[in-house]
Amino acid sequence: MPDRPDESPTDPPAPAPAERRLASDQDVEDADDVLFSHPPRVVRRWLCECGVDYPCAEVRFALLVKSSAEAGE
């Protein structure tokens, strides 16, 4: 680490060499194709009051208990 500010480098760090890239050009092109062919869409679904998809685990358990109690009557 430099002792004085004027000894510090002023140039930005060099970009990573091509060998260190995470994805190839073909991977990026394939990702673009996938994103184009899978656009988001609006979906209507039921949500439980707790915020998860209906029926949540607690509702499923309650329905199971009720149905088994009614079957045992």
PDB file of N, CA and C in Angstrom:
ATOM      1  N   MET A   1       0.850  -1.173   0.000  1.00  0.00           N
ATOM      2  CA  MET A   1       0.000   0.000   0.000  1.00  0.00           C
ATOM      3  C   MET A   1       0.890   1.228   0.000  1.00  0.00           C
ATOM      4  N   PRO A   2       0.610   2.212  -0.855  1.00  0.00           N
ATOM      5  CA  PRO A   2       1.465   3.392  -0.934  1.00  0.00           C
ATOM      6  C   PRO A   2       1.336   4.257   0.324  1.00  0.00           C
ATOM      7  N   ASP A   3       2.455   4.892   0.654  1.00  0.00           N
ATOM      8  CA  ASP A   3       2.463   5.769   1.823  1.00  0.00           C
ATOM      9  C   ASP A   3       1.842   7.124   1.518  1.00  0.00           C
ATOM     10  N   ARG A   4       1.999   7.567   0.290  1.00  0.00           N
ATOM     11  CA  ARG A   4       1.481   8.891  -0.079  1.00  0.00           C
ATOM     12  C   ARG A   4       0.440   8.743  -1.180  1.00  0.00           C
ATOM     13  N   PRO A   5      -0.569   9.614  -1.201  1.00  0.00           N
ATOM     14  CA  PRO A   5      -1.610   9.501  -2.232  1.00  0.00           C
ATOM     15  C   PRO A   5      -1.084   9.617  -3.648  1.00  0.00           C
ATOM     16  N   ASP A   6      -0.019  10.404  -3.867  1.00  0.00           N
ATOM     17  CA  ASP A   6       0.479  10.573  -5.228  1.00  0.00           C
ATOM     18  C   ASP A   6       1.211   9.334  -5.738  1.00  0.00           C
ATOM     19  N   GLU A   7       1.483   8.346  -4.868  1.00  0.00           N
ATOM     20  CA  GLU A   7       2.108   7.111  -5.293  1.00  0.00           C
ATOM     21  C   GLU A   7       1.085   6.047  -5.701  1.00  0.00           C
ATOM     22  N   SER A   8      -0.184   6.310  -5.448  1.00  0.00           N
ATOM     23  CA  SER A   8      -1.201   5.325  -5.794  1.00  0.00           C
ATOM     24  C   SER A   8      -1.494   5.364  -7.287  1.00  0.00           C
ATOM     25  N   PRO A   9      -1.825   4.249  -7.862  1.00  0.00           N
ATOM     26  CA  PRO A   9      -2.115   4.231  -9.310  1.00  0.00           C
ATOM     27  C   PRO A   9      -3.399   5.008  -9.607  1.00  0.00           C
ATOM     28  N   THR A  10      -3.403   5.697 -10.736  1.00  0.00           N
ATOM     29  CA  THR A  10      -4.573   6.488 -11.116  1.00  0.00           C
ATOM     30  C   THR A  10      -5.413   5.803 -12.182  1.00  0.00           C
ATOM     31  N   ASP A  11      -4.851   4.802 -12.838  1.00  0.00           N
ATOM     32  CA  ASP A  11      -5.599   4.098 -13.881  1.00  0.00           C
ATOM     33  C   ASP A  11      -6.550   3.092 -13.251  1.00  0.00           C
ATOM     34  N   PRO A  12      -7.745   2.921 -13.837  1.00  0.00           N
ATOM     35  CA  PRO A  12      -8.661   1.899 -13.302  1.00  0.00           C
ATOM     36  C   PRO A  12      -8.078   0.517 -13.548  1.00  0.00           C
ATOM     37  N   PRO A  13      -8.503  -0.468 -12.770  1.00  0.00           N
ATOM     38  CA  PRO A  13      -7.982  -1.824 -12.978  1.00  0.00           C
ATOM     39  C   PRO A  13      -8.350  -2.337 -14.360  1.00  0.00           C
ATOM     40  N   ALA A  14      -7.492  -3.133 -14.905  1.00  0.00           N
ATOM     41  CA  ALA A  14      -7.724  -3.688 -16.245  1.00  0.00           C
ATOM     42  C   ALA A  14      -8.869  -4.696 -16.188  1.00  0.00           C
ATOM     43  N   PRO A  15      -9.675  -4.800 -17.266  1.00  0.00           N
ATOM     44  CA  PRO A  15     -10.758  -5.800 -17.278  1.00  0.00           C
ATOM     45  C   PRO A  15     -10.172  -7.212 -17.231  1.00  0.00           C
ATOM     46  N   ALA A  16     -10.981  -8.129 -16.755  1.00  0.00           N
ATOM     47  CA  ALA A  16     -10.547  -9.520 -16.638  1.00  0.00           C
ATOM     48  C   ALA A  16     -10.264 -10.085 -18.016  1.00  0.00           C
ATOM     49  N   PRO A  17      -9.247 -10.909 -18.130  1.00  0.00           N
ATOM     50  CA  PRO A  17      -8.964 -11.514 -19.432  1.00  0.00           C
ATOM     51  C   PRO A  17     -10.113 -12.414 -19.874  1.00  0.00           C
ATOM     52  N   ALA A  18     -10.165 -12.674 -21.155  1.00  0.00           N
ATOM     53  CA  ALA A  18     -11.257 -13.459 -21.739  1.00  0.00           C
ATOM     54  C   ALA A  18     -11.325 -14.869 -21.146  1.00  0.00           C
ATOM     55  N   GLU A  19     -10.204 -15.414 -20.714  1.00  0.00           N
ATOM     56  CA  GLU A  19     -10.203 -16.763 -20.161  1.00  0.00           C
ATOM     57  C   GLU A  19     -10.945 -16.833 -18.830  1.00  0.00           C
ATOM     58  N   ARG A  20     -11.077 -15.722 -18.125  1.00  0.00           N
ATOM     59  CA  ARG A  20     -11.689 -15.727 -16.806  1.00  0.00           C
ATOM     60  C   ARG A  20     -13.171 -15.366 -16.842  1.00  0.00           C
ATOM     61  N   ARG A  21     -13.748 -15.201 -18.024  1.00  0.00           N
ATOM     62  CA  ARG A  21     -15.169 -14.851 -18.115  1.00  0.00           C
ATOM     63  C   ARG A  21     -16.020 -15.992 -17.603  1.00  0.00           C
ATOM     64  N   LEU A  22     -17.136 -15.631 -16.984  1.00  0.00           N
ATOM     65  CA  LEU A  22     -18.035 -16.638 -16.424  1.00  0.00           C
ATOM     66  C   LEU A  22     -18.811 -17.363 -17.519  1.00  0.00           C
ATOM     67  N   ALA A  23     -19.225 -16.637 -18.542  1.00  0.00           N
ATOM     68  CA  ALA A  23     -20.035 -17.233 -19.606  1.00  0.00           C
ATOM     69  C   ALA A  23     -19.428 -16.913 -20.963  1.00  0.00           C
ATOM     70  N   SER A  24     -19.553 -17.847 -21.880  1.00  0.00           N
ATOM     71  CA  SER A  24     -19.054 -17.631 -23.232  1.00  0.00           C
ATOM     72  C   SER A  24     -20.058 -16.785 -24.017  1.00  0.00           C
ATOM     73  N   ASP A  25     -19.639 -16.333 -25.195  1.00  0.00           N
ATOM     74  CA  ASP A  25     -20.540 -15.562 -26.054  1.00  0.00           C
ATOM     75  C   ASP A  25     -21.766 -16.387 -26.433  1.00  0.00           C
ATOM     76  N   GLN A  26     -21.563 -17.691 -26.672  1.00  0.00           N
ATOM     77  CA  GLN A  26     -22.682 -18.570 -27.018  1.00  0.00           C
ATOM     78  C   GLN A  26     -23.645 -18.704 -25.842  1.00  0.00           C
ATOM     79  N   ASP A  27     -23.111 -18.780 -24.624  1.00  0.00           N
ATOM     80  CA  ASP A  27     -23.970 -18.860 -23.438  1.00  0.00           C
ATOM     81  C   ASP A  27     -24.830 -17.613 -23.306  1.00  0.00           C
ATOM     82  N   VAL A  28     -24.252 -16.457 -23.557  1.00  0.00           N
ATOM     83  CA  VAL A  28     -24.998 -15.201 -23.467  1.00  0.00           C
ATOM     84  C   VAL A  28     -26.077 -15.154 -24.539  1.00  0.00           C
ATOM     85  N   GLU A  29     -25.736 -15.601 -25.742  1.00  0.00           N
ATOM     86  CA  GLU A  29     -26.726 -15.633 -26.824  1.00  0.00           C
ATOM     87  C   GLU A  29     -27.868 -16.596 -26.486  1.00  0.00           C
ATOM     88  N   ASP A  30     -27.536 -17.769 -25.941  1.00  0.00           N
ATOM     89  CA  ASP A  30     -28.562 -18.726 -25.531  1.00  0.00           C
ATOM     90  C   ASP A  30     -29.444 -18.150 -24.426  1.00  0.00           C
ATOM     91  N   ALA A  31     -28.841 -17.435 -23.482  1.00  0.00           N
ATOM     92  CA  ALA A  31     -29.617 -16.819 -22.410  1.00  0.00           C
ATOM     93  C   ALA A  31     -30.579 -15.785 -22.966  1.00  0.00           C
ATOM     94  N   ASP A  32     -30.139 -15.001 -23.951  1.00  0.00           N
ATOM     95  CA  ASP A  32     -31.034 -14.036 -24.587  1.00  0.00           C
ATOM     96  C   ASP A  32     -32.214 -14.742 -25.244  1.00  0.00           C
ATOM     97  N   ASP A  33     -31.952 -15.856 -25.920  1.00  0.00           N
ATOM     98  CA  ASP A  33     -33.028 -16.611 -26.569  1.00  0.00           C
ATOM     99  C   ASP A  33     -34.033 -17.131 -25.544  1.00  0.00           C
ATOM    100  N   VAL A  34     -33.534 -17.642 -24.430  1.00  0.00           N
ATOM    101  CA  VAL A  34     -34.425 -18.165 -23.389  1.00  0.00           C
ATOM    102  C   VAL A  34     -35.265 -17.046 -22.792  1.00  0.00           C
ATOM    103  N   LEU A  35     -34.634 -15.913 -22.500  1.00  0.00           N
ATOM    104  CA  LEU A  35     -35.385 -14.795 -21.918  1.00  0.00           C
ATOM    105  C   LEU A  35     -36.423 -14.255 -22.891  1.00  0.00           C
ATOM    106  N   PHE A  36     -36.132 -14.305 -24.183  1.00  0.00           N
ATOM    107  CA  PHE A  36     -37.098 -13.840 -25.175  1.00  0.00           C
ATOM    108  C   PHE A  36     -38.271 -14.806 -25.286  1.00  0.00           C
ATOM    109  N   SER A  37     -37.998 -16.098 -25.214  1.00  0.00           N
ATOM    110  CA  SER A  37     -39.067 -17.082 -25.406  1.00  0.00           C
ATOM    111  C   SER A  37     -39.830 -17.388 -24.121  1.00  0.00           C
ATOM    112  N   HIS A  38     -39.406 -16.850 -22.999  1.00  0.00           N
ATOM    113  CA  HIS A  38     -40.089 -17.073 -21.726  1.00  0.00           C
ATOM    114  C   HIS A  38     -40.418 -15.744 -21.053  1.00  0.00           C
ATOM    115  N   PRO A  39     -41.268 -14.933 -21.676  1.00  0.00           N
ATOM    116  CA  PRO A  39     -41.595 -13.652 -21.043  1.00  0.00           C
ATOM    117  C   PRO A  39     -42.492 -13.860 -19.822  1.00  0.00           C
ATOM    118  N   PRO A  40     -42.466 -12.916 -18.901  1.00  0.00           N
ATOM    119  CA  PRO A  40     -43.363 -13.048 -17.741  1.00  0.00           C
ATOM    120  C   PRO A  40     -44.815 -12.853 -18.175  1.00  0.00           C
ATOM    121  N   ARG A  41     -45.721 -13.429 -17.419  1.00  0.00           N
ATOM    122  CA  ARG A  41     -47.140 -13.256 -17.711  1.00  0.00           C
ATOM    123  C   ARG A  41     -47.896 -13.099 -16.400  1.00  0.00           C
ATOM    124  N   VAL A  42     -49.048 -12.497 -16.491  1.00  0.00           N
ATOM    125  CA  VAL A  42     -49.881 -12.297 -15.322  1.00  0.00           C
ATOM    126  C   VAL A  42     -50.618 -13.595 -15.029  1.00  0.00           C
ATOM    127  N   VAL A  43     -50.572 -14.005 -13.774  1.00  0.00           N
ATOM    128  CA  VAL A  43     -51.222 -15.241 -13.357  1.00  0.00           C
ATOM    129  C   VAL A  43     -52.092 -14.929 -12.158  1.00  0.00           C
ATOM    130  N   ARG A  44     -53.311 -15.408 -12.205  1.00  0.00           N
ATOM    131  CA  ARG A  44     -54.187 -15.265 -11.043  1.00  0.00           C
ATOM    132  C   ARG A  44     -54.071 -16.503 -10.200  1.00  0.00           C
ATOM    133  N   ARG A  45     -53.862 -16.322  -8.922  1.00  0.00           N
ATOM    134  CA  ARG A  45     -53.816 -17.458  -8.014  1.00  0.00           C
ATOM    135  C   ARG A  45     -54.337 -17.029  -6.656  1.00  0.00           C
ATOM    136  N   TRP A  46     -54.722 -17.987  -5.890  1.00  0.00           N
ATOM    137  CA  TRP A  46     -55.233 -17.716  -4.554  1.00  0.00           C
ATOM    138  C   TRP A  46     -54.069 -17.643  -3.591  1.00  0.00           C
ATOM    139  N   LEU A  47     -54.115 -16.645  -2.727  1.00  0.00           N
ATOM    140  CA  LEU A  47     -53.115 -16.515  -1.675  1.00  0.00           C
ATOM    141  C   LEU A  47     -53.794 -16.657  -0.330  1.00  0.00           C
ATOM    142  N   CYS A  48     -53.140 -17.339   0.570  1.00  0.00           N
ATOM    143  CA  CYS A  48     -53.623 -17.480   1.931  1.00  0.00           C
ATOM    144  C   CYS A  48     -53.366 -16.168   2.673  1.00  0.00           C
ATOM    145  N   GLU A  49     -54.065 -15.951   3.748  1.00  0.00           N
ATOM    146  CA  GLU A  49     -53.862 -14.734   4.531  1.00  0.00           C
ATOM    147  C   GLU A  49     -52.434 -14.631   5.048  1.00  0.00           C
ATOM    148  N   CYS A  50     -51.755 -15.777   5.234  1.00  0.00           N
ATOM    149  CA  CYS A  50     -50.370 -15.752   5.713  1.00  0.00           C
ATOM    150  C   CYS A  50     -49.391 -15.347   4.615  1.00  0.00           C
ATOM    151  N   GLY A  51     -49.855 -15.258   3.350  1.00  0.00           N
ATOM    152  CA  GLY A  51     -49.023 -14.749   2.267  1.00  0.00           C
ATOM    153  C   GLY A  51     -48.481 -15.784   1.307  1.00  0.00           C
ATOM    154  N   VAL A  52     -48.685 -17.057   1.573  1.00  0.00           N
ATOM    155  CA  VAL A  52     -48.206 -18.091   0.654  1.00  0.00           C
ATOM    156  C   VAL A  52     -49.375 -18.582  -0.192  1.00  0.00           C
ATOM    157  N   ASP A  53     -49.050 -19.395  -1.200  1.00  0.00           N
ATOM    158  CA  ASP A  53     -50.106 -19.939  -2.059  1.00  0.00           C
ATOM    159  C   ASP A  53     -51.109 -20.725  -1.227  1.00  0.00           C
ATOM    160  N   TYR A  54     -52.400 -20.566  -1.593  1.00  0.00           N
ATOM    161  CA  TYR A  54     -53.476 -21.272  -0.901  1.00  0.00           C
ATOM    162  C   TYR A  54     -53.635 -22.639  -1.526  1.00  0.00           C
ATOM    163  N   PRO A  55     -53.774 -23.681  -0.814  1.00  0.00           N
ATOM    164  CA  PRO A  55     -53.792 -23.785   0.636  1.00  0.00           C
ATOM    165  C   PRO A  55     -52.374 -23.928   1.193  1.00  0.00           C
ATOM    166  N   CYS A  56     -52.106 -23.209   2.273  1.00  0.00           N
ATOM    167  CA  CYS A  56     -50.799 -23.317   2.926  1.00  0.00           C
ATOM    168  C   CYS A  56     -50.759 -24.620   3.720  1.00  0.00           C
ATOM    169  N   ALA A  57     -49.633 -24.912   4.324  1.00  0.00           N
ATOM    170  CA  ALA A  57     -49.465 -26.174   5.059  1.00  0.00           C
ATOM    171  C   ALA A  57     -50.457 -26.283   6.214  1.00  0.00           C
ATOM    172  N   GLU A  58     -50.711 -25.173   6.906  1.00  0.00           N
ATOM    173  CA  GLU A  58     -51.648 -25.218   8.029  1.00  0.00           C
ATOM    174  C   GLU A  58     -53.070 -25.487   7.562  1.00  0.00           C
ATOM    175  N   VAL A  59     -53.459 -24.891   6.449  1.00  0.00           N
ATOM    176  CA  VAL A  59     -54.803 -25.123   5.910  1.00  0.00           C
ATOM    177  C   VAL A  59     -54.916 -26.565   5.429  1.00  0.00           C
ATOM    178  N   ARG A  60     -53.887 -27.093   4.788  1.00  0.00           N
ATOM    179  CA  ARG A  60     -53.932 -28.488   4.347  1.00  0.00           C
ATOM    180  C   ARG A  60     -54.106 -29.430   5.533  1.00  0.00           C
ATOM    181  N   PHE A  61     -53.378 -29.154   6.608  1.00  0.00           N
ATOM    182  CA  PHE A  61     -53.503 -29.992   7.791  1.00  0.00           C
ATOM    183  C   PHE A  61     -54.903 -29.880   8.390  1.00  0.00           C
ATOM    184  N   ALA A  62     -55.440 -28.659   8.458  1.00  0.00           N
ATOM    185  CA  ALA A  62     -56.781 -28.471   9.007  1.00  0.00           C
ATOM    186  C   ALA A  62     -57.821 -29.182   8.155  1.00  0.00           C
ATOM    187  N   LEU A  63     -57.679 -29.119   6.833  1.00  0.00           N
ATOM    188  CA  LEU A  63     -58.613 -29.830   5.956  1.00  0.00           C
ATOM    189  C   LEU A  63     -58.496 -31.337   6.143  1.00  0.00           C
ATOM    190  N   LEU A  64     -57.282 -31.829   6.349  1.00  0.00           N
ATOM    191  CA  LEU A  64     -57.080 -33.251   6.589  1.00  0.00           C
ATOM    192  C   LEU A  64     -57.757 -33.681   7.883  1.00  0.00           C
ATOM    193  N   VAL A  65     -57.595 -32.885   8.934  1.00  0.00           N
ATOM    194  CA  VAL A  65     -58.211 -33.211  10.218  1.00  0.00           C
ATOM    195  C   VAL A  65     -59.723 -33.221  10.090  1.00  0.00           C
ATOM    196  N   LYS A  66     -60.274 -32.201   9.433  1.00  0.00           N
ATOM    197  CA  LYS A  66     -61.735 -32.126   9.283  1.00  0.00           C
ATOM    198  C   LYS A  66     -62.279 -33.283   8.461  1.00  0.00           C
ATOM    199  N   SER A  67     -61.589 -33.603   7.365  1.00  0.00           N
ATOM    200  CA  SER A  67     -62.089 -34.693   6.510  1.00  0.00           C
ATOM    201  C   SER A  67     -61.989 -36.039   7.214  1.00  0.00           C
ATOM    202  N   SER A  68     -60.930 -36.258   7.977  1.00  0.00           N
ATOM    203  CA  SER A  68     -60.819 -37.522   8.697  1.00  0.00           C
ATOM    204  C   SER A  68     -61.830 -37.586   9.849  1.00  0.00           C
ATOM    205  N   ALA A  69     -62.125 -36.449  10.479  1.00  0.00           N
ATOM    206  CA  ALA A  69     -63.130 -36.443  11.549  1.00  0.00           C
ATOM    207  C   ALA A  69     -64.514 -36.723  10.977  1.00  0.00           C
ATOM    208  N   GLU A  70     -64.814 -36.149   9.809  1.00  0.00           N
ATOM    209  CA  GLU A  70     -66.122 -36.380   9.179  1.00  0.00           C
ATOM    210  C   GLU A  70     -66.236 -37.814   8.695  1.00  0.00           C
ATOM    211  N   ALA A  71     -65.144 -38.402   8.257  1.00  0.00           N
ATOM    212  CA  ALA A  71     -65.172 -39.785   7.759  1.00  0.00           C
ATOM    213  C   ALA A  71     -65.367 -40.755   8.941  1.00  0.00           C
ATOM    214  N   GLY A  72     -64.905 -40.365  10.130  1.00  0.00           N
ATOM    215  CA  GLY A  72     -65.029 -41.229  11.284  1.00  0.00           C
ATOM    216  C   GLY A  72     -66.364 -41.151  11.959  1.00  0.00           C
ATOM    217  N   GLU A  73     -67.240 -40.233  11.560  1.00  0.00           N
ATOM    218  CA  GLU A  73     -68.537 -40.089  12.215  1.00  0.00           C
ATOM    219  C   GLU A  73     -69.474 -41.193  11.861  1.00  0.00           C
TER     220      GLU A  73
END
